[in-house]
Amino acid sequence: MTKTMELIFVNVAGDKVTLRVNDPRDDLQEAEVRTVMDTVVAKNVFTSTGGSLTGVAGARRVTRDVAGLNILY
């Protein structure tokens, strides 16, 4: 099972930009995530094809469980 935190921002063009962080802490609080996202925007840490990140659109935890099938003979 893999866990990912998706941080969703808005850029200058008004498009959504998603940054993915692998293996986030299980005990992350919403306030911690918001603080980090606000800092990313304020410090202009990342840019995108649509320009700098200008705001926070949301965040979500994603859990993915992949099971392979043994179909080879």
Protein backbone atom coordinates (compact mmCIF):
# COMPACT_ATOMS: atom_id res chain seq x y z
CA MET A 1 0.00 0.00 0.00
CA THR A 2 1.36 3.42 -0.92
CA LYS A 3 0.39 6.69 0.68
CA THR A 4 0.68 10.09 -0.94
CA MET A 5 -0.22 13.60 0.15
CA GLU A 6 -1.48 15.73 -2.73
CA LEU A 7 -1.05 19.47 -2.30
CA ILE A 8 -3.23 21.34 -4.79
CA PHE A 9 -2.40 24.94 -5.67
CA VAL A 10 -3.69 27.55 -8.12
CA ASN A 11 -1.24 29.30 -10.46
CA VAL A 12 -1.27 32.71 -12.16
CA ALA A 13 -3.20 31.29 -15.13
CA GLY A 14 -5.92 30.02 -12.78
CA ASP A 15 -5.03 26.38 -13.37
CA LYS A 16 -4.68 23.80 -10.61
CA VAL A 17 -1.20 22.42 -9.93
CA THR A 18 -0.74 19.28 -7.83
CA LEU A 19 2.42 18.47 -5.89
CA ARG A 20 2.66 14.93 -4.54
CA VAL A 21 4.61 13.95 -1.43
CA ASN A 22 5.29 10.24 -0.97
CA ASP A 23 4.93 8.55 2.43
CA PRO A 24 3.56 11.45 4.47
CA ARG A 25 3.36 11.11 8.24
CA ASP A 26 0.14 9.48 9.38
CA ASP A 27 -0.38 12.08 12.11
CA LEU A 28 -0.23 15.19 9.90
CA GLN A 29 -2.76 17.79 10.99
CA GLU A 30 -4.67 20.06 8.62
CA ALA A 31 -3.08 23.14 10.19
CA GLU A 32 0.43 21.80 9.50
CA VAL A 33 -0.38 21.11 5.86
CA ARG A 34 -1.96 24.55 5.43
CA THR A 35 1.05 26.26 6.98
CA VAL A 36 3.44 24.48 4.62
CA MET A 37 1.26 25.27 1.60
CA ASP A 38 0.99 28.94 2.56
CA THR A 39 4.79 29.06 2.91
CA VAL A 40 5.28 27.48 -0.53
CA VAL A 41 3.08 30.18 -2.06
CA ALA A 42 4.58 33.07 -0.05
CA LYS A 43 8.19 32.09 -0.79
CA ASN A 44 7.45 31.35 -4.48
CA VAL A 45 9.17 27.97 -4.08
CA PHE A 46 7.76 26.39 -7.25
CA THR A 47 6.61 27.58 -10.63
CA SER A 48 4.53 25.88 -13.30
CA THR A 49 3.84 26.23 -16.99
CA GLY A 50 1.01 28.58 -16.01
CA GLY A 51 3.26 30.75 -13.85
CA SER A 52 3.89 31.05 -10.14
CA LEU A 53 1.64 29.47 -7.55
CA THR A 54 -0.75 32.08 -6.20
CA GLY A 55 -3.02 30.24 -3.80
CA VAL A 56 -4.10 27.03 -2.09
CA ALA A 57 -6.90 24.99 -3.66
CA GLY A 58 -6.85 21.99 -1.31
CA ALA A 59 -5.03 18.93 -0.07
CA ARG A 60 -5.82 15.26 0.23
CA ARG A 61 -4.35 12.00 1.45
CA VAL A 62 -4.35 9.24 -1.15
CA THR A 63 -3.93 5.58 -0.25
CA ARG A 64 -3.37 3.10 -3.04
CA ASP A 65 -3.31 -0.66 -2.76
CA VAL A 66 -2.11 -2.55 -5.83
CA ALA A 67 -2.27 -6.34 -6.07
CA GLY A 68 -0.72 -8.10 -9.04
CA LEU A 69 -2.32 -11.11 -10.66
CA ASN A 70 -0.29 -14.17 -11.45
CA ILE A 71 -1.52 -14.79 -15.01
CA LEU A 72 1.66 -16.29 -16.46
CA TYR A 73 1.66 -20.02 -17.18
